[in-house]
Amino acid sequence: MNRLATLFLTAILAGFALIIVPGLAASFITSTAIANLLIAVGAIAVIVFAVALLYLAVRALLRKEWT
């Protein structure tokens, strides 16, 4: 279960990277549509994997698997 949680945390970090990088590399990305698409995909990834991580945490809390 720790591997799954680590994978979800990594996915959240990747989502944040997709949100931040288009803003930083605006001169390299010529199309604003592509930059907006990357930001939207990053935001969706952060939300989905944060919810999945919360689900794993609540499930572990209820089953007392924190040992």
PDB file of N, CA and C in Angstrom:
ATOM      1  N   MET A   1       0.826  -1.193   0.000  1.00  0.00           N
ATOM      2  CA  MET A   1       0.000   0.000   0.000  1.00  0.00           C
ATOM      3  C   MET A   1       0.868   1.254   0.000  1.00  0.00           C
ATOM      4  N   ASN A   2       2.053   1.181   0.586  1.00  0.00           N
ATOM      5  CA  ASN A   2       2.921   2.350   0.578  1.00  0.00           C
ATOM      6  C   ASN A   2       3.389   2.692  -0.824  1.00  0.00           C
ATOM      7  N   ARG A   3       3.585   1.668  -1.663  1.00  0.00           N
ATOM      8  CA  ARG A   3       3.968   1.924  -3.049  1.00  0.00           C
ATOM      9  C   ARG A   3       2.872   2.676  -3.791  1.00  0.00           C
ATOM     10  N   LEU A   4       1.635   2.296  -3.532  1.00  0.00           N
ATOM     11  CA  LEU A   4       0.515   2.962  -4.193  1.00  0.00           C
ATOM     12  C   LEU A   4       0.411   4.409  -3.740  1.00  0.00           C
ATOM     13  N   ALA A   5       0.606   4.655  -2.467  1.00  0.00           N
ATOM     14  CA  ALA A   5       0.559   6.021  -1.958  1.00  0.00           C
ATOM     15  C   ALA A   5       1.702   6.850  -2.535  1.00  0.00           C
ATOM     16  N   THR A   6       2.870   6.254  -2.643  1.00  0.00           N
ATOM     17  CA  THR A   6       4.010   6.959  -3.239  1.00  0.00           C
ATOM     18  C   THR A   6       3.750   7.269  -4.705  1.00  0.00           C
ATOM     19  N   LEU A   7       3.143   6.334  -5.398  1.00  0.00           N
ATOM     20  CA  LEU A   7       2.792   6.565  -6.803  1.00  0.00           C
ATOM     21  C   LEU A   7       1.798   7.711  -6.943  1.00  0.00           C
ATOM     22  N   PHE A   8       0.809   7.758  -6.068  1.00  0.00           N
ATOM     23  CA  PHE A   8      -0.171   8.842  -6.119  1.00  0.00           C
ATOM     24  C   PHE A   8       0.471  10.186  -5.781  1.00  0.00           C
ATOM     25  N   LEU A   9       1.370  10.208  -4.805  1.00  0.00           N
ATOM     26  CA  LEU A   9       2.073  11.457  -4.485  1.00  0.00           C
ATOM     27  C   LEU A   9       2.920  11.930  -5.659  1.00  0.00           C
ATOM     28  N   THR A  10       3.554  10.995  -6.344  1.00  0.00           N
ATOM     29  CA  THR A  10       4.334  11.340  -7.526  1.00  0.00           C
ATOM     30  C   THR A  10       3.437  11.896  -8.625  1.00  0.00           C
ATOM     31  N   ALA A  11       2.267  11.319  -8.774  1.00  0.00           N
ATOM     32  CA  ALA A  11       1.332  11.814  -9.784  1.00  0.00           C
ATOM     33  C   ALA A  11       0.843  13.220  -9.437  1.00  0.00           C
ATOM     34  N   ILE A  12       0.654  13.503  -8.161  1.00  0.00           N
ATOM     35  CA  ILE A  12       0.256  14.844  -7.753  1.00  0.00           C
ATOM     36  C   ILE A  12       1.363  15.843  -8.064  1.00  0.00           C
ATOM     37  N   LEU A  13       2.602  15.466  -7.788  1.00  0.00           N
ATOM     38  CA  LEU A  13       3.725  16.349  -8.119  1.00  0.00           C
ATOM     39  C   LEU A  13       3.829  16.570  -9.622  1.00  0.00           C
ATOM     40  N   ALA A  14       3.579  15.532 -10.396  1.00  0.00           N
ATOM     41  CA  ALA A  14       3.593  15.691 -11.854  1.00  0.00           C
ATOM     42  C   ALA A  14       2.474  16.624 -12.308  1.00  0.00           C
ATOM     43  N   GLY A  15       1.335  16.559 -11.652  1.00  0.00           N
ATOM     44  CA  GLY A  15       0.239  17.468 -11.968  1.00  0.00           C
ATOM     45  C   GLY A  15       0.605  18.911 -11.662  1.00  0.00           C
ATOM     46  N   PHE A  16       1.266  19.129 -10.524  1.00  0.00           N
ATOM     47  CA  PHE A  16       1.721  20.480 -10.208  1.00  0.00           C
ATOM     48  C   PHE A  16       2.745  20.966 -11.227  1.00  0.00           C
ATOM     49  N   ALA A  17       3.594  20.061 -11.688  1.00  0.00           N
ATOM     50  CA  ALA A  17       4.568  20.441 -12.712  1.00  0.00           C
ATOM     51  C   ALA A  17       3.861  20.859 -14.000  1.00  0.00           C
ATOM     52  N   LEU A  18       2.797  20.160 -14.359  1.00  0.00           N
ATOM     53  CA  LEU A  18       2.046  20.532 -15.556  1.00  0.00           C
ATOM     54  C   LEU A  18       1.347  21.874 -15.387  1.00  0.00           C
ATOM     55  N   ILE A  19       1.046  22.250 -14.175  1.00  0.00           N
ATOM     56  CA  ILE A  19       0.418  23.548 -13.940  1.00  0.00           C
ATOM     57  C   ILE A  19       1.454  24.665 -14.002  1.00  0.00           C
ATOM     58  N   ILE A  20       2.638  24.429 -13.442  1.00  0.00           N
ATOM     59  CA  ILE A  20       3.641  25.482 -13.311  1.00  0.00           C
ATOM     60  C   ILE A  20       4.481  25.663 -14.566  1.00  0.00           C
ATOM     61  N   VAL A  21       4.866  24.586 -15.215  1.00  0.00           N
ATOM     62  CA  VAL A  21       5.801  24.658 -16.337  1.00  0.00           C
ATOM     63  C   VAL A  21       5.293  25.497 -17.512  1.00  0.00           C
ATOM     64  N   PRO A  22       4.039  25.403 -17.934  1.00  0.00           N
ATOM     65  CA  PRO A  22       3.610  26.262 -19.051  1.00  0.00           C
ATOM     66  C   PRO A  22       3.720  27.750 -18.737  1.00  0.00           C
ATOM     67  N   GLY A  23       3.537  28.116 -17.497  1.00  0.00           N
ATOM     68  CA  GLY A  23       3.704  29.517 -17.119  1.00  0.00           C
ATOM     69  C   GLY A  23       5.145  29.961 -17.180  1.00  0.00           C
ATOM     70  N   LEU A  24       6.051  29.065 -16.810  1.00  0.00           N
ATOM     71  CA  LEU A  24       7.470  29.402 -16.833  1.00  0.00           C
ATOM     72  C   LEU A  24       8.045  29.381 -18.243  1.00  0.00           C
ATOM     73  N   ALA A  25       7.557  28.473 -19.064  1.00  0.00           N
ATOM     74  CA  ALA A  25       8.093  28.317 -20.414  1.00  0.00           C
ATOM     75  C   ALA A  25       7.145  28.906 -21.456  1.00  0.00           C
ATOM     76  N   ALA A  26       6.536  30.014 -21.137  1.00  0.00           N
ATOM     77  CA  ALA A  26       5.570  30.621 -22.063  1.00  0.00           C
ATOM     78  C   ALA A  26       6.236  31.071 -23.355  1.00  0.00           C
ATOM     79  N   SER A  27       7.504  31.417 -23.293  1.00  0.00           N
ATOM     80  CA  SER A  27       8.175  31.850 -24.515  1.00  0.00           C
ATOM     81  C   SER A  27       8.450  30.676 -25.447  1.00  0.00           C
ATOM     82  N   PHE A  28       8.583  29.472 -24.890  1.00  0.00           N
ATOM     83  CA  PHE A  28       8.830  28.306 -25.719  1.00  0.00           C
ATOM     84  C   PHE A  28       7.547  27.730 -26.294  1.00  0.00           C
ATOM     85  N   ILE A  29       6.470  27.831 -25.542  1.00  0.00           N
ATOM     86  CA  ILE A  29       5.181  27.327 -26.017  1.00  0.00           C
ATOM     87  C   ILE A  29       4.485  28.475 -26.736  1.00  0.00           C
ATOM     88  N   THR A  30       4.409  28.377 -28.042  1.00  0.00           N
ATOM     89  CA  THR A  30       3.881  29.486 -28.822  1.00  0.00           C
ATOM     90  C   THR A  30       2.361  29.568 -28.761  1.00  0.00           C
ATOM     91  N   SER A  31       1.724  28.447 -28.575  1.00  0.00           N
ATOM     92  CA  SER A  31       0.266  28.440 -28.576  1.00  0.00           C
ATOM     93  C   SER A  31      -0.268  28.529 -27.145  1.00  0.00           C
ATOM     94  N   THR A  32      -1.142  29.468 -26.924  1.00  0.00           N
ATOM     95  CA  THR A  32      -1.755  29.564 -25.594  1.00  0.00           C
ATOM     96  C   THR A  32      -2.738  28.429 -25.356  1.00  0.00           C
ATOM     97  N   ALA A  33      -3.278  27.860 -26.439  1.00  0.00           N
ATOM     98  CA  ALA A  33      -4.195  26.737 -26.286  1.00  0.00           C
ATOM     99  C   ALA A  33      -3.475  25.529 -25.698  1.00  0.00           C
ATOM    100  N   ILE A  34      -2.248  25.288 -26.145  1.00  0.00           N
ATOM    101  CA  ILE A  34      -1.480  24.161 -25.607  1.00  0.00           C
ATOM    102  C   ILE A  34      -1.132  24.409 -24.144  1.00  0.00           C
ATOM    103  N   ALA A  35      -0.742  25.623 -23.830  1.00  0.00           N
ATOM    104  CA  ALA A  35      -0.421  25.957 -22.435  1.00  0.00           C
ATOM    105  C   ALA A  35      -1.650  25.804 -21.547  1.00  0.00           C
ATOM    106  N   ASN A  36      -2.787  26.261 -22.007  1.00  0.00           N
ATOM    107  CA  ASN A  36      -4.022  26.124 -21.225  1.00  0.00           C
ATOM    108  C   ASN A  36      -4.425  24.663 -21.074  1.00  0.00           C
ATOM    109  N   LEU A  37      -4.197  23.856 -22.113  1.00  0.00           N
ATOM    110  CA  LEU A  37      -4.509  22.432 -22.038  1.00  0.00           C
ATOM    111  C   LEU A  37      -3.619  21.742 -21.005  1.00  0.00           C
ATOM    112  N   LEU A  38      -2.328  22.069 -20.994  1.00  0.00           N
ATOM    113  CA  LEU A  38      -1.421  21.478 -20.009  1.00  0.00           C
ATOM    114  C   LEU A  38      -1.797  21.871 -18.590  1.00  0.00           C
ATOM    115  N   ILE A  39      -2.202  23.107 -18.397  1.00  0.00           N
ATOM    116  CA  ILE A  39      -2.631  23.558 -17.072  1.00  0.00           C
ATOM    117  C   ILE A  39      -3.897  22.822 -16.636  1.00  0.00           C
ATOM    118  N   ALA A  40      -4.841  22.637 -17.552  1.00  0.00           N
ATOM    119  CA  ALA A  40      -6.087  21.931 -17.227  1.00  0.00           C
ATOM    120  C   ALA A  40      -5.817  20.468 -16.898  1.00  0.00           C
ATOM    121  N   VAL A  41      -4.976  19.814 -17.675  1.00  0.00           N
ATOM    122  CA  VAL A  41      -4.648  18.411 -17.410  1.00  0.00           C
ATOM    123  C   VAL A  41      -3.933  18.276 -16.067  1.00  0.00           C
ATOM    124  N   GLY A  42      -3.030  19.203 -15.775  1.00  0.00           N
ATOM    125  CA  GLY A  42      -2.340  19.176 -14.490  1.00  0.00           C
ATOM    126  C   GLY A  42      -3.284  19.361 -13.316  1.00  0.00           C
ATOM    127  N   ALA A  43      -4.224  20.276 -13.447  1.00  0.00           N
ATOM    128  CA  ALA A  43      -5.188  20.509 -12.368  1.00  0.00           C
ATOM    129  C   ALA A  43      -6.078  19.292 -12.148  1.00  0.00           C
ATOM    130  N   ILE A  44      -6.510  18.673 -13.231  1.00  0.00           N
ATOM    131  CA  ILE A  44      -7.343  17.469 -13.104  1.00  0.00           C
ATOM    132  C   ILE A  44      -6.553  16.336 -12.460  1.00  0.00           C
ATOM    133  N   ALA A  45      -5.282  16.188 -12.847  1.00  0.00           N
ATOM    134  CA  ALA A  45      -4.452  15.130 -12.258  1.00  0.00           C
ATOM    135  C   ALA A  45      -4.257  15.353 -10.767  1.00  0.00           C
ATOM    136  N   VAL A  46      -4.016  16.582 -10.369  1.00  0.00           N
ATOM    137  CA  VAL A  46      -3.839  16.875  -8.942  1.00  0.00           C
ATOM    138  C   VAL A  46      -5.109  16.544  -8.174  1.00  0.00           C
ATOM    139  N   ILE A  47      -6.247  16.931  -8.686  1.00  0.00           N
ATOM    140  CA  ILE A  47      -7.515  16.683  -7.987  1.00  0.00           C
ATOM    141  C   ILE A  47      -7.806  15.190  -7.891  1.00  0.00           C
ATOM    142  N   VAL A  48      -7.660  14.469  -9.000  1.00  0.00           N
ATOM    143  CA  VAL A  48      -7.982  13.037  -9.014  1.00  0.00           C
ATOM    144  C   VAL A  48      -7.078  12.256  -8.065  1.00  0.00           C
ATOM    145  N   PHE A  49      -5.779  12.505  -8.135  1.00  0.00           N
ATOM    146  CA  PHE A  49      -4.878  11.728  -7.301  1.00  0.00           C
ATOM    147  C   PHE A  49      -4.903  12.169  -5.849  1.00  0.00           C
ATOM    148  N   ALA A  50      -5.250  13.412  -5.571  1.00  0.00           N
ATOM    149  CA  ALA A  50      -5.425  13.832  -4.185  1.00  0.00           C
ATOM    150  C   ALA A  50      -6.631  13.137  -3.564  1.00  0.00           C
ATOM    151  N   VAL A  51      -7.702  13.010  -4.324  1.00  0.00           N
ATOM    152  CA  VAL A  51      -8.883  12.288  -3.834  1.00  0.00           C
ATOM    153  C   VAL A  51      -8.546  10.816  -3.615  1.00  0.00           C
ATOM    154  N   ALA A  52      -7.783  10.224  -4.530  1.00  0.00           N
ATOM    155  CA  ALA A  52      -7.387   8.825  -4.369  1.00  0.00           C
ATOM    156  C   ALA A  52      -6.512   8.647  -3.132  1.00  0.00           C
ATOM    157  N   LEU A  53      -5.626   9.584  -2.886  1.00  0.00           N
ATOM    158  CA  LEU A  53      -4.770   9.515  -1.700  1.00  0.00           C
ATOM    159  C   LEU A  53      -5.590   9.656  -0.424  1.00  0.00           C
ATOM    160  N   LEU A  54      -6.557  10.551  -0.433  1.00  0.00           N
ATOM    161  CA  LEU A  54      -7.444  10.691   0.733  1.00  0.00           C
ATOM    162  C   LEU A  54      -8.247   9.416   0.969  1.00  0.00           C
ATOM    163  N   TYR A  55      -8.671   8.783  -0.107  1.00  0.00           N
ATOM    164  CA  TYR A  55      -9.405   7.524   0.016  1.00  0.00           C
ATOM    165  C   TYR A  55      -8.526   6.456   0.662  1.00  0.00           C
ATOM    166  N   LEU A  56      -7.271   6.343   0.210  1.00  0.00           N
ATOM    167  CA  LEU A  56      -6.360   5.369   0.802  1.00  0.00           C
ATOM    168  C   LEU A  56      -6.100   5.667   2.273  1.00  0.00           C
ATOM    169  N   ALA A  57      -5.983   6.924   2.614  1.00  0.00           N
ATOM    170  CA  ALA A  57      -5.728   7.300   4.004  1.00  0.00           C
ATOM    171  C   ALA A  57      -6.921   6.966   4.901  1.00  0.00           C
ATOM    172  N   VAL A  58      -8.109   7.252   4.440  1.00  0.00           N
ATOM    173  CA  VAL A  58      -9.303   6.954   5.239  1.00  0.00           C
ATOM    174  C   VAL A  58      -9.476   5.450   5.379  1.00  0.00           C
ATOM    175  N   ARG A  59      -9.232   4.717   4.298  1.00  0.00           N
ATOM    176  CA  ARG A  59      -9.349   3.262   4.353  1.00  0.00           C
ATOM    177  C   ARG A  59      -8.329   2.673   5.321  1.00  0.00           C
ATOM    178  N   ALA A  60      -7.110   3.181   5.298  1.00  0.00           N
ATOM    179  CA  ALA A  60      -6.093   2.693   6.224  1.00  0.00           C
ATOM    180  C   ALA A  60      -6.436   3.065   7.664  1.00  0.00           C
ATOM    181  N   LEU A  61      -7.014   4.231   7.852  1.00  0.00           N
ATOM    182  CA  LEU A  61      -7.397   4.661   9.188  1.00  0.00           C
ATOM    183  C   LEU A  61      -8.493   3.781   9.755  1.00  0.00           C
ATOM    184  N   LEU A  62      -9.463   3.447   8.920  1.00  0.00           N
ATOM    185  CA  LEU A  62     -10.571   2.616   9.391  1.00  0.00           C
ATOM    186  C   LEU A  62     -10.146   1.170   9.618  1.00  0.00           C
ATOM    187  N   ARG A  63      -9.181   0.690   8.860  1.00  0.00           N
ATOM    188  CA  ARG A  63      -8.693  -0.681   9.034  1.00  0.00           C
ATOM    189  C   ARG A  63      -7.501  -0.752   9.995  1.00  0.00           C
ATOM    190  N   LYS A  64      -7.050   0.371  10.471  1.00  0.00           N
ATOM    191  CA  LYS A  64      -5.910   0.473  11.386  1.00  0.00           C
ATOM    192  C   LYS A  64      -4.672  -0.185  10.784  1.00  0.00           C
ATOM    193  N   GLU A  65      -4.309   0.221   9.562  1.00  0.00           N
ATOM    194  CA  GLU A  65      -3.154  -0.346   8.864  1.00  0.00           C
ATOM    195  C   GLU A  65      -1.947   0.575   8.942  1.00  0.00           C
ATOM    196  N   TRP A  66      -1.852   1.418   9.934  1.00  0.00           N
ATOM    197  CA  TRP A  66      -0.749   2.373   9.980  1.00  0.00           C
ATOM    198  C   TRP A  66       0.498   1.796  10.663  1.00  0.00           C
ATOM    199  N   THR A  67       0.438   0.543  11.098  1.00  0.00           N
ATOM    200  CA  THR A  67       1.598  -0.062  11.760  1.00  0.00           C
ATOM    201  C   THR A  67       2.575  -0.601  10.769  1.00  0.00           C
TER     202      THR A  67
END
